[in-house]
């Protein structure tokens, strides 16, 4: 189990247009399975290697919205960080994420509202080869209060087989 870590946010007053941050994750079969369990999206292109082999991808791919969840994590943990409220997101998927890919989310502040604590962030996601897999823009409400919080990793999650759930 990973240890708890401390992270500190950036307040709206500390943030400027042009500020950037990155966040990276390795996409594993286990993460795809857990995302399918939580989201209810059991599309076989994500979960069934035999089925996925018959598709244009030739293998299992991660859910597009798992990539979206990584964008959310980058905003929550990096820029602006804890206390940020997600207001909206547009996201275009450009290429598949394969199991074993390392994806990196690149955030850049492209607009700062003058009278409200709102930011517009450019969101770009690339794989380990630098290939763009998604891009878009997020609208967020940045925190007004500076805070340092302890981030505790979630407990290990055991997926239940359908027969165990009944």
C-alpha atoms as a PDB file:
ATOM      1  CA  UNK A   1       0.000   0.000   0.000  1.00  0.00           C
ATOM      2  CA  UNK A   2       1.253   3.472  -0.848  1.00  0.00           C
ATOM      3  CA  UNK A   3       1.913   5.924   1.931  1.00  0.00           C
ATOM      4  CA  UNK A   4      -0.171   9.042   2.458  1.00  0.00           C
ATOM      5  CA  UNK A   5       1.319  12.202   0.964  1.00  0.00           C
ATOM      6  CA  UNK A   6       0.848  15.895   1.546  1.00  0.00           C
ATOM      7  CA  UNK A   7      -0.165  18.203  -1.310  1.00  0.00           C
ATOM      8  CA  UNK A   8      -0.794  21.930  -1.369  1.00  0.00           C
ATOM      9  CA  UNK A   9      -3.164  23.712  -3.725  1.00  0.00           C
ATOM     10  CA  UNK A  10      -2.698  26.926  -5.653  1.00  0.00           C
ATOM     11  CA  UNK A  11      -5.247  29.640  -4.931  1.00  0.00           C
ATOM     12  CA  UNK A  12      -6.895  31.757  -7.592  1.00  0.00           C
ATOM     13  CA  UNK A  13      -4.631  34.658  -6.572  1.00  0.00           C
ATOM     14  CA  UNK A  14      -1.488  32.569  -7.126  1.00  0.00           C
ATOM     15  CA  UNK A  15      -2.452  31.307 -10.583  1.00  0.00           C
ATOM     16  CA  UNK A  16      -1.534  33.058 -13.820  1.00  0.00           C
ATOM     17  CA  UNK A  17      -2.314  32.467 -17.484  1.00  0.00           C
ATOM     18  CA  UNK A  18       0.463  30.257 -18.822  1.00  0.00           C
ATOM     19  CA  UNK A  19       0.911  28.203 -15.627  1.00  0.00           C
ATOM     20  CA  UNK A  20       1.321  24.487 -16.362  1.00  0.00           C
ATOM     21  CA  UNK A  21       1.289  21.118 -14.624  1.00  0.00           C
ATOM     22  CA  UNK A  22       1.547  17.454 -15.579  1.00  0.00           C
ATOM     23  CA  UNK A  23       0.251  14.193 -14.155  1.00  0.00           C
ATOM     24  CA  UNK A  24       1.177  10.670 -15.354  1.00  0.00           C
ATOM     25  CA  UNK A  25      -0.371   7.232 -14.890  1.00  0.00           C
ATOM     26  CA  UNK A  26       0.356   3.715 -16.075  1.00  0.00           C
ATOM     27  CA  UNK A  27      -2.824   2.154 -17.495  1.00  0.00           C
ATOM     28  CA  UNK A  28      -3.144  -1.439 -16.321  1.00  0.00           C
ATOM     29  CA  UNK A  29      -5.642  -4.198 -16.976  1.00  0.00           C
ATOM     30  CA  UNK A  30      -6.682  -3.930 -13.312  1.00  0.00           C
ATOM     31  CA  UNK A  31      -7.492  -0.211 -13.645  1.00  0.00           C
ATOM     32  CA  UNK A  32      -9.596  -0.903 -16.737  1.00  0.00           C
ATOM     33  CA  UNK A  33     -11.444  -3.681 -14.882  1.00  0.00           C
ATOM     34  CA  UNK A  34     -12.083  -1.419 -11.886  1.00  0.00           C
ATOM     35  CA  UNK A  35     -13.269   1.430 -14.128  1.00  0.00           C
ATOM     36  CA  UNK A  36     -15.661  -0.985 -15.863  1.00  0.00           C
ATOM     37  CA  UNK A  37     -16.989  -2.111 -12.488  1.00  0.00           C
ATOM     38  CA  UNK A  38     -17.532   1.437 -11.230  1.00  0.00           C
ATOM     39  CA  UNK A  39     -18.890   2.908 -14.463  1.00  0.00           C
ATOM     40  CA  UNK A  40     -20.962  -0.081 -15.552  1.00  0.00           C
ATOM     41  CA  UNK A  41     -19.368   0.105 -19.031  1.00  0.00           C
ATOM     42  CA  UNK A  42     -18.624  -3.538 -19.818  1.00  0.00           C
ATOM     43  CA  UNK A  43     -17.980  -3.069 -23.543  1.00  0.00           C
ATOM     44  CA  UNK A  44     -15.963  -6.150 -24.580  1.00  0.00           C
ATOM     45  CA  UNK A  45     -13.441  -3.970 -26.442  1.00  0.00           C
ATOM     46  CA  UNK A  46     -12.167  -3.048 -22.975  1.00  0.00           C
ATOM     47  CA  UNK A  47     -12.454  -6.407 -21.202  1.00  0.00           C
ATOM     48  CA  UNK A  48     -12.418  -9.342 -23.634  1.00  0.00           C
ATOM     49  CA  UNK A  49      -9.083  -9.919 -25.438  1.00  0.00           C
ATOM     50  CA  UNK A  50     -10.633 -12.382 -27.922  1.00  0.00           C
ATOM     51  CA  UNK A  51     -13.337  -9.896 -28.908  1.00  0.00           C
ATOM     52  CA  UNK A  52     -10.920  -6.946 -28.936  1.00  0.00           C
ATOM     53  CA  UNK A  53      -8.610  -8.862 -31.296  1.00  0.00           C
ATOM     54  CA  UNK A  54     -11.390  -8.713 -33.929  1.00  0.00           C
ATOM     55  CA  UNK A  55     -11.681  -4.904 -33.739  1.00  0.00           C
ATOM     56  CA  UNK A  56      -9.712  -2.204 -35.528  1.00  0.00           C
ATOM     57  CA  UNK A  57      -7.498  -1.938 -32.439  1.00  0.00           C
ATOM     58  CA  UNK A  58      -6.507  -5.622 -32.359  1.00  0.00           C
ATOM     59  CA  UNK A  59      -6.354  -5.644 -28.558  1.00  0.00           C
ATOM     60  CA  UNK A  60      -8.128  -4.326 -25.489  1.00  0.00           C
ATOM     61  CA  UNK A  61      -8.183  -0.562 -25.068  1.00  0.00           C
ATOM     62  CA  UNK A  62      -8.958   1.589 -22.043  1.00  0.00           C
ATOM     63  CA  UNK A  63     -12.270   3.416 -21.719  1.00  0.00           C
ATOM     64  CA  UNK A  64     -12.120   6.949 -23.108  1.00  0.00           C
ATOM     65  CA  UNK A  65     -13.557   8.295 -19.889  1.00  0.00           C
ATOM     66  CA  UNK A  66     -10.760   6.651 -17.904  1.00  0.00           C
ATOM     67  CA  UNK A  67      -8.564   9.151 -19.735  1.00  0.00           C
ATOM     68  CA  UNK A  68     -11.093  11.811 -18.696  1.00  0.00           C
ATOM     69  CA  UNK A  69     -10.754  10.635 -15.100  1.00  0.00           C
ATOM     70  CA  UNK A  70      -6.983  11.141 -15.331  1.00  0.00           C
ATOM     71  CA  UNK A  71      -7.633  14.740 -16.427  1.00  0.00           C
ATOM     72  CA  UNK A  72      -9.835  15.148 -13.359  1.00  0.00           C
ATOM     73  CA  UNK A  73      -7.065  13.733 -11.152  1.00  0.00           C
ATOM     74  CA  UNK A  74      -4.521  16.145 -12.643  1.00  0.00           C
ATOM     75  CA  UNK A  75      -6.794  19.081 -11.824  1.00  0.00           C
ATOM     76  CA  UNK A  76      -7.575  17.797  -8.308  1.00  0.00           C
ATOM     77  CA  UNK A  77      -3.993  16.942  -7.396  1.00  0.00           C
ATOM     78  CA  UNK A  78      -1.805  19.314  -9.436  1.00  0.00           C
ATOM     79  CA  UNK A  79      -3.418  22.463 -10.878  1.00  0.00           C
ATOM     80  CA  UNK A  80      -5.116  24.091  -9.045  1.00  0.00           C
ATOM     81  CA  UNK A  81      -5.214  21.135  -6.617  1.00  0.00           C
ATOM     82  CA  UNK A  82      -7.314  20.365  -3.542  1.00  0.00           C
ATOM     83  CA  UNK A  83     -10.497  22.404  -3.208  1.00  0.00           C
ATOM     84  CA  UNK A  84     -10.917  22.892  -6.956  1.00  0.00           C
ATOM     85  CA  UNK A  85     -14.475  22.567  -8.268  1.00  0.00           C
ATOM     86  CA  UNK A  86     -14.823  21.081 -11.762  1.00  0.00           C
ATOM     87  CA  UNK A  87     -17.346  23.130 -13.768  1.00  0.00           C
ATOM     88  CA  UNK A  88     -17.086  21.558 -17.211  1.00  0.00           C
ATOM     89  CA  UNK A  89     -14.967  19.682 -19.710  1.00  0.00           C
ATOM     90  CA  UNK A  90     -14.876  19.104 -23.419  1.00  0.00           C
ATOM     91  CA  UNK A  91     -12.674  16.265 -24.545  1.00  0.00           C
ATOM     92  CA  UNK A  92     -11.849  14.870 -27.963  1.00  0.00           C
ATOM     93  CA  UNK A  93     -10.360  11.399 -28.158  1.00  0.00           C
ATOM     94  CA  UNK A  94      -7.626  11.235 -30.791  1.00  0.00           C
ATOM     95  CA  UNK A  95      -6.104   7.747 -30.345  1.00  0.00           C
ATOM     96  CA  UNK A  96      -6.720   4.640 -28.238  1.00  0.00           C
ATOM     97  CA  UNK A  97      -5.055   4.009 -24.896  1.00  0.00           C
ATOM     98  CA  UNK A  98      -3.629   0.494 -24.790  1.00  0.00           C
ATOM     99  CA  UNK A  99      -3.079  -1.554 -21.662  1.00  0.00           C
ATOM    100  CA  UNK A 100       0.467  -0.851 -20.503  1.00  0.00           C
ATOM    101  CA  UNK A 101       0.530   2.712 -21.880  1.00  0.00           C
ATOM    102  CA  UNK A 102       1.741   5.490 -19.627  1.00  0.00           C
ATOM    103  CA  UNK A 103      -0.433   8.531 -20.189  1.00  0.00           C
ATOM    104  CA  UNK A 104       0.544  12.057 -19.215  1.00  0.00           C
ATOM    105  CA  UNK A 105      -1.960  14.848 -18.769  1.00  0.00           C
ATOM    106  CA  UNK A 106      -0.659  18.327 -19.627  1.00  0.00           C
ATOM    107  CA  UNK A 107      -2.600  21.236 -18.129  1.00  0.00           C
ATOM    108  CA  UNK A 108      -2.154  24.894 -19.026  1.00  0.00           C
ATOM    109  CA  UNK A 109      -4.067  27.887 -17.716  1.00  0.00           C
ATOM    110  CA  UNK A 110      -5.367  29.639 -20.837  1.00  0.00           C
ATOM    111  CA  UNK A 111      -7.873  32.020 -19.270  1.00  0.00           C
ATOM    112  CA  UNK A 112      -8.443  33.581 -15.855  1.00  0.00           C
ATOM    113  CA  UNK A 113     -11.749  35.307 -15.159  1.00  0.00           C
ATOM    114  CA  UNK A 114     -11.304  38.830 -13.801  1.00  0.00           C
ATOM    115  CA  UNK A 115     -14.120  38.939 -11.245  1.00  0.00           C
ATOM    116  CA  UNK A 116     -14.749  35.264 -10.395  1.00  0.00           C
ATOM    117  CA  UNK A 117     -12.381  32.473  -9.333  1.00  0.00           C
ATOM    118  CA  UNK A 118     -12.853  30.698 -12.670  1.00  0.00           C
ATOM    119  CA  UNK A 119     -10.141  29.307 -14.907  1.00  0.00           C
ATOM    120  CA  UNK A 120     -10.092  27.716 -18.307  1.00  0.00           C
ATOM    121  CA  UNK A 121      -7.444  25.015 -18.670  1.00  0.00           C
ATOM    122  CA  UNK A 122      -6.137  23.481 -21.863  1.00  0.00           C
ATOM    123  CA  UNK A 123      -6.043  19.701 -21.360  1.00  0.00           C
ATOM    124  CA  UNK A 124      -3.839  17.504 -23.530  1.00  0.00           C
ATOM    125  CA  UNK A 125      -3.122  13.830 -22.911  1.00  0.00           C
ATOM    126  CA  UNK A 126      -0.233  11.985 -24.564  1.00  0.00           C
ATOM    127  CA  UNK A 127       1.100   8.463 -24.343  1.00  0.00           C
ATOM    128  CA  UNK A 128       4.681   7.440 -23.600  1.00  0.00           C
ATOM    129  CA  UNK A 129       5.603   7.906 -27.285  1.00  0.00           C
ATOM    130  CA  UNK A 130       4.350  11.501 -27.307  1.00  0.00           C
ATOM    131  CA  UNK A 131       1.270  10.609 -29.364  1.00  0.00           C
ATOM    132  CA  UNK A 132      -1.735  12.786 -28.535  1.00  0.00           C
ATOM    133  CA  UNK A 133      -4.579  10.623 -27.284  1.00  0.00           C
ATOM    134  CA  UNK A 134      -6.993  13.311 -26.103  1.00  0.00           C
ATOM    135  CA  UNK A 135      -7.351  17.078 -25.927  1.00  0.00           C
ATOM    136  CA  UNK A 136      -9.849  19.626 -24.774  1.00  0.00           C
ATOM    137  CA  UNK A 137     -10.572  22.361 -22.268  1.00  0.00           C
ATOM    138  CA  UNK A 138     -11.711  22.285 -18.670  1.00  0.00           C
ATOM    139  CA  UNK A 139     -13.493  25.008 -16.729  1.00  0.00           C
ATOM    140  CA  UNK A 140     -12.809  25.041 -13.007  1.00  0.00           C
ATOM    141  CA  UNK A 141     -13.411  27.143  -9.935  1.00  0.00           C
ATOM    142  CA  UNK A 142     -10.048  27.601  -8.253  1.00  0.00           C
ATOM    143  CA  UNK A 143      -9.838  27.610  -4.460  1.00  0.00           C
ATOM    144  CA  UNK A 144      -9.679  30.944  -2.662  1.00  0.00           C
ATOM    145  CA  UNK A 145      -8.149  29.410   0.473  1.00  0.00           C
ATOM    146  CA  UNK A 146      -4.627  27.990   0.653  1.00  0.00           C
ATOM    147  CA  UNK A 147      -4.544  24.514   2.127  1.00  0.00           C
ATOM    148  CA  UNK A 148      -2.308  21.496   2.466  1.00  0.00           C
ATOM    149  CA  UNK A 149      -4.103  18.175   2.675  1.00  0.00           C
ATOM    150  CA  UNK A 150      -3.146  14.569   3.225  1.00  0.00           C
ATOM    151  CA  UNK A 151      -3.929  12.350   0.259  1.00  0.00           C
ATOM    152  CA  UNK A 152      -4.519   8.779   1.358  1.00  0.00           C
ATOM    153  CA  UNK A 153      -4.576   6.110  -1.357  1.00  0.00           C
ATOM    154  CA  UNK A 154      -7.868   4.215  -1.599  1.00  0.00           C
ATOM    155  CA  UNK A 155      -8.016   0.766  -0.025  1.00  0.00           C
ATOM    156  CA  UNK A 156      -7.445  -2.243  -2.257  1.00  0.00           C
ATOM    157  CA  UNK A 157     -10.667  -3.117  -4.046  1.00  0.00           C
ATOM    158  CA  UNK A 158     -11.759  -6.669  -4.689  1.00  0.00           C
ATOM    159  CA  UNK A 159     -14.002  -7.163  -7.725  1.00  0.00           C
ATOM    160  CA  UNK A 160     -16.850  -9.538  -7.086  1.00  0.00           C
ATOM    161  CA  UNK A 161     -17.709 -12.133  -9.683  1.00  0.00           C
ATOM    162  CA  UNK A 162     -21.350 -12.064 -10.755  1.00  0.00           C
ATOM    163  CA  UNK A 163     -21.954 -15.359  -8.933  1.00  0.00           C
ATOM    164  CA  UNK A 164     -20.538 -13.924  -5.687  1.00  0.00           C
ATOM    165  CA  UNK A 165     -22.829 -10.874  -5.842  1.00  0.00           C
ATOM    166  CA  UNK A 166     -26.019 -12.953  -5.742  1.00  0.00           C
END
